[in-house]
Amino acid sequence: MALETPSASDLPVGEVASRLGVSRQALSALLNGRAGVSAEMALRLEAALGTSAEMWVQMQANHDLWQARQLGRPKVRRIAA
C-alpha cells in the first residue's frame, strides 16, 4: 500500500504556511496577489513542492512584465551605442 502525501490544495493555508516556514499572512498575501514570489519564497517552494526555484522566479518575472506592459510603454529616448 502506497502512502499518500496530501497536496498543498488539500491543506489549510495555515498548515501550508507552517510547512513553508512563513506566516499565514505572508502566504495569504502571495495567494491573493498582494505579494510576489521572492527568491527566498521560491527556494521554500522548491524544497516543499519538488519544483525548481528558477521556475517560480521566472513565472513571477513573466507576470511582472505582463503587468508593466498593460500600463503601456514608458516615454524614453534611445541612447546611441
N, C-alpha and C. Protein backbone atom coordinates (compact mmCIF):
# COMPACT_ATOMS: atom_id res chain seq x y z
N MET A 1 0.85 -1.17 0.00
CA MET A 1 0.00 0.00 0.00
C MET A 1 0.89 1.24 0.00
N ALA A 2 0.63 2.15 -0.91
CA ALA A 2 1.42 3.38 -1.02
C ALA A 2 0.89 4.43 -0.04
N LEU A 3 1.81 5.16 0.54
CA LEU A 3 1.43 6.26 1.42
C LEU A 3 1.11 7.47 0.56
N GLU A 4 0.05 8.14 0.87
CA GLU A 4 -0.32 9.33 0.11
C GLU A 4 0.09 10.57 0.89
N THR A 5 0.75 11.48 0.21
CA THR A 5 1.11 12.77 0.79
C THR A 5 0.07 13.76 0.33
N PRO A 6 -0.53 14.50 1.27
CA PRO A 6 -1.56 15.47 0.84
C PRO A 6 -0.94 16.56 -0.02
N SER A 7 -1.68 16.97 -1.04
CA SER A 7 -1.20 18.06 -1.88
C SER A 7 -1.48 19.37 -1.16
N ALA A 8 -0.78 20.42 -1.59
CA ALA A 8 -0.95 21.73 -0.96
C ALA A 8 -2.40 22.20 -1.03
N SER A 9 -3.11 21.82 -2.09
CA SER A 9 -4.50 22.27 -2.23
C SER A 9 -5.43 21.55 -1.26
N ASP A 10 -4.98 20.44 -0.68
CA ASP A 10 -5.79 19.70 0.29
C ASP A 10 -5.61 20.21 1.71
N LEU A 11 -4.62 21.06 1.92
CA LEU A 11 -4.28 21.52 3.27
C LEU A 11 -4.78 22.94 3.51
N PRO A 12 -5.10 23.24 4.77
CA PRO A 12 -5.47 24.62 5.11
C PRO A 12 -4.27 25.56 4.90
N VAL A 13 -4.55 26.82 4.62
CA VAL A 13 -3.48 27.80 4.37
C VAL A 13 -2.51 27.85 5.53
N GLY A 14 -3.00 27.79 6.75
CA GLY A 14 -2.13 27.84 7.92
C GLY A 14 -1.15 26.68 7.97
N GLU A 15 -1.61 25.51 7.57
CA GLU A 15 -0.74 24.33 7.55
C GLU A 15 0.33 24.45 6.48
N VAL A 16 -0.07 24.90 5.30
CA VAL A 16 0.91 25.09 4.21
C VAL A 16 1.93 26.14 4.63
N ALA A 17 1.48 27.23 5.23
CA ALA A 17 2.39 28.28 5.70
C ALA A 17 3.38 27.71 6.71
N SER A 18 2.88 26.92 7.62
CA SER A 18 3.75 26.30 8.63
C SER A 18 4.80 25.41 7.98
N ARG A 19 4.38 24.62 7.02
CA ARG A 19 5.32 23.73 6.33
C ARG A 19 6.36 24.51 5.53
N LEU A 20 5.96 25.69 5.02
CA LEU A 20 6.90 26.54 4.28
C LEU A 20 7.78 27.37 5.21
N GLY A 21 7.40 27.46 6.48
CA GLY A 21 8.16 28.26 7.43
C GLY A 21 7.90 29.75 7.30
N VAL A 22 6.67 30.10 6.88
CA VAL A 22 6.29 31.51 6.76
C VAL A 22 4.99 31.72 7.53
N SER A 23 4.64 32.97 7.73
CA SER A 23 3.39 33.26 8.43
C SER A 23 2.20 33.00 7.51
N ARG A 24 1.05 32.77 8.13
CA ARG A 24 -0.18 32.59 7.36
C ARG A 24 -0.47 33.84 6.55
N GLN A 25 -0.19 35.01 7.13
CA GLN A 25 -0.44 36.27 6.46
C GLN A 25 0.44 36.41 5.21
N ALA A 26 1.70 36.00 5.31
CA ALA A 26 2.61 36.09 4.16
C ALA A 26 2.14 35.18 3.03
N LEU A 27 1.73 33.97 3.37
CA LEU A 27 1.25 33.05 2.33
C LEU A 27 -0.07 33.55 1.75
N SER A 28 -0.94 34.05 2.59
CA SER A 28 -2.22 34.57 2.11
C SER A 28 -2.00 35.73 1.14
N ALA A 29 -1.06 36.62 1.45
CA ALA A 29 -0.74 37.75 0.56
C ALA A 29 -0.26 37.24 -0.79
N LEU A 30 0.55 36.21 -0.79
CA LEU A 30 1.05 35.63 -2.04
C LEU A 30 -0.10 35.01 -2.83
N LEU A 31 -0.91 34.22 -2.17
CA LEU A 31 -2.01 33.53 -2.84
C LEU A 31 -3.06 34.49 -3.38
N ASN A 32 -3.22 35.62 -2.73
CA ASN A 32 -4.24 36.59 -3.14
C ASN A 32 -3.68 37.71 -4.01
N GLY A 33 -2.44 37.58 -4.46
CA GLY A 33 -1.86 38.53 -5.39
C GLY A 33 -1.41 39.85 -4.78
N ARG A 34 -1.34 39.91 -3.46
CA ARG A 34 -0.87 41.14 -2.82
C ARG A 34 0.64 41.13 -2.62
N ALA A 35 1.28 40.02 -2.90
CA ALA A 35 2.74 39.90 -2.80
C ALA A 35 3.21 39.01 -3.94
N GLY A 36 4.43 39.23 -4.36
CA GLY A 36 5.01 38.41 -5.41
C GLY A 36 5.88 37.30 -4.82
N VAL A 37 6.37 36.45 -5.69
CA VAL A 37 7.25 35.36 -5.28
C VAL A 37 8.68 35.90 -5.22
N SER A 38 9.22 35.99 -4.01
CA SER A 38 10.60 36.43 -3.83
C SER A 38 11.54 35.25 -4.08
N ALA A 39 12.82 35.54 -4.19
CA ALA A 39 13.81 34.47 -4.35
C ALA A 39 13.76 33.53 -3.14
N GLU A 40 13.61 34.09 -1.96
CA GLU A 40 13.53 33.27 -0.74
C GLU A 40 12.31 32.36 -0.77
N MET A 41 11.15 32.92 -1.17
CA MET A 41 9.94 32.10 -1.25
C MET A 41 10.09 31.04 -2.32
N ALA A 42 10.73 31.38 -3.43
CA ALA A 42 10.96 30.41 -4.50
C ALA A 42 11.76 29.22 -3.99
N LEU A 43 12.75 29.49 -3.15
CA LEU A 43 13.55 28.40 -2.56
C LEU A 43 12.72 27.56 -1.61
N ARG A 44 11.84 28.20 -0.87
CA ARG A 44 10.94 27.45 0.04
C ARG A 44 9.98 26.56 -0.76
N LEU A 45 9.42 27.10 -1.84
CA LEU A 45 8.51 26.32 -2.68
C LEU A 45 9.25 25.16 -3.35
N GLU A 46 10.47 25.42 -3.77
CA GLU A 46 11.29 24.36 -4.37
C GLU A 46 11.45 23.20 -3.39
N ALA A 47 11.81 23.51 -2.16
CA ALA A 47 12.04 22.48 -1.15
C ALA A 47 10.75 21.75 -0.77
N ALA A 48 9.65 22.49 -0.68
CA ALA A 48 8.39 21.90 -0.23
C ALA A 48 7.66 21.12 -1.32
N LEU A 49 7.77 21.60 -2.57
CA LEU A 49 6.97 21.01 -3.64
C LEU A 49 7.77 20.18 -4.64
N GLY A 50 9.10 20.25 -4.55
CA GLY A 50 9.92 19.49 -5.50
C GLY A 50 9.97 20.13 -6.88
N THR A 51 9.68 21.41 -6.93
CA THR A 51 9.77 22.16 -8.19
C THR A 51 11.08 22.93 -8.17
N SER A 52 11.37 23.66 -9.23
CA SER A 52 12.62 24.44 -9.21
C SER A 52 12.33 25.88 -8.80
N ALA A 53 13.25 26.45 -8.04
CA ALA A 53 13.14 27.86 -7.66
C ALA A 53 13.16 28.74 -8.90
N GLU A 54 13.94 28.34 -9.89
CA GLU A 54 14.02 29.11 -11.13
C GLU A 54 12.66 29.22 -11.81
N MET A 55 11.89 28.15 -11.77
CA MET A 55 10.56 28.18 -12.36
C MET A 55 9.69 29.24 -11.71
N TRP A 56 9.71 29.30 -10.36
CA TRP A 56 8.89 30.27 -9.64
C TRP A 56 9.34 31.69 -9.92
N VAL A 57 10.65 31.92 -9.93
CA VAL A 57 11.18 33.25 -10.20
C VAL A 57 10.84 33.68 -11.63
N GLN A 58 10.96 32.77 -12.58
CA GLN A 58 10.64 33.08 -13.98
C GLN A 58 9.16 33.39 -14.15
N MET A 59 8.30 32.61 -13.49
CA MET A 59 6.87 32.90 -13.57
C MET A 59 6.55 34.27 -12.99
N GLN A 60 7.21 34.64 -11.89
CA GLN A 60 6.98 35.94 -11.29
C GLN A 60 7.46 37.05 -12.23
N ALA A 61 8.65 36.85 -12.84
CA ALA A 61 9.18 37.85 -13.77
C ALA A 61 8.25 38.01 -14.97
N ASN A 62 7.73 36.90 -15.50
CA ASN A 62 6.80 36.96 -16.63
C ASN A 62 5.53 37.72 -16.25
N HIS A 63 5.04 37.47 -15.05
CA HIS A 63 3.84 38.16 -14.57
C HIS A 63 4.11 39.66 -14.42
N ASP A 64 5.26 40.00 -13.82
CA ASP A 64 5.62 41.41 -13.63
C ASP A 64 5.73 42.14 -14.97
N LEU A 65 6.36 41.50 -15.96
CA LEU A 65 6.48 42.10 -17.29
C LEU A 65 5.11 42.29 -17.94
N TRP A 66 4.26 41.29 -17.81
CA TRP A 66 2.91 41.39 -18.37
C TRP A 66 2.18 42.58 -17.76
N GLN A 67 2.26 42.71 -16.43
CA GLN A 67 1.59 43.84 -15.77
C GLN A 67 2.16 45.17 -16.25
N ALA A 68 3.47 45.26 -16.37
CA ALA A 68 4.10 46.51 -16.82
C ALA A 68 3.67 46.85 -18.24
N ARG A 69 3.55 45.86 -19.09
CA ARG A 69 3.14 46.10 -20.48
C ARG A 69 1.70 46.57 -20.59
N GLN A 70 0.89 46.21 -19.61
CA GLN A 70 -0.51 46.66 -19.62
C GLN A 70 -0.60 48.16 -19.39
N LEU A 71 0.41 48.73 -18.77
CA LEU A 71 0.44 50.17 -18.50
C LEU A 71 0.90 50.98 -19.70
N GLY A 72 1.41 50.32 -20.71
CA GLY A 72 1.93 51.00 -21.90
C GLY A 72 3.42 51.24 -21.78
N ARG A 73 4.00 51.55 -22.88
CA ARG A 73 5.45 51.78 -22.93
C ARG A 73 5.79 53.13 -22.29
N PRO A 74 6.81 53.15 -21.45
CA PRO A 74 7.22 54.45 -20.89
C PRO A 74 7.88 55.30 -21.97
N LYS A 75 7.77 56.60 -21.81
CA LYS A 75 8.40 57.52 -22.79
C LYS A 75 9.88 57.63 -22.45
N VAL A 76 10.69 57.11 -23.35
CA VAL A 76 12.14 57.18 -23.16
C VAL A 76 12.77 57.62 -24.48
N ARG A 77 13.98 58.15 -24.37
CA ARG A 77 14.74 58.50 -25.56
C ARG A 77 15.86 57.48 -25.70
N ARG A 78 16.02 57.01 -26.90
CA ARG A 78 17.02 55.98 -27.18
C ARG A 78 18.43 56.52 -26.91
N ILE A 79 19.29 55.67 -26.37
CA ILE A 79 20.68 56.00 -26.11
C ILE A 79 21.51 55.33 -27.19
N ALA A 80 22.25 56.12 -27.94
CA ALA A 80 23.08 55.58 -29.03
C ALA A 80 24.25 54.81 -28.44
N ALA A 81 24.56 53.70 -29.06
CA ALA A 81 25.67 52.87 -28.59
C ALA A 81 27.00 53.38 -29.06
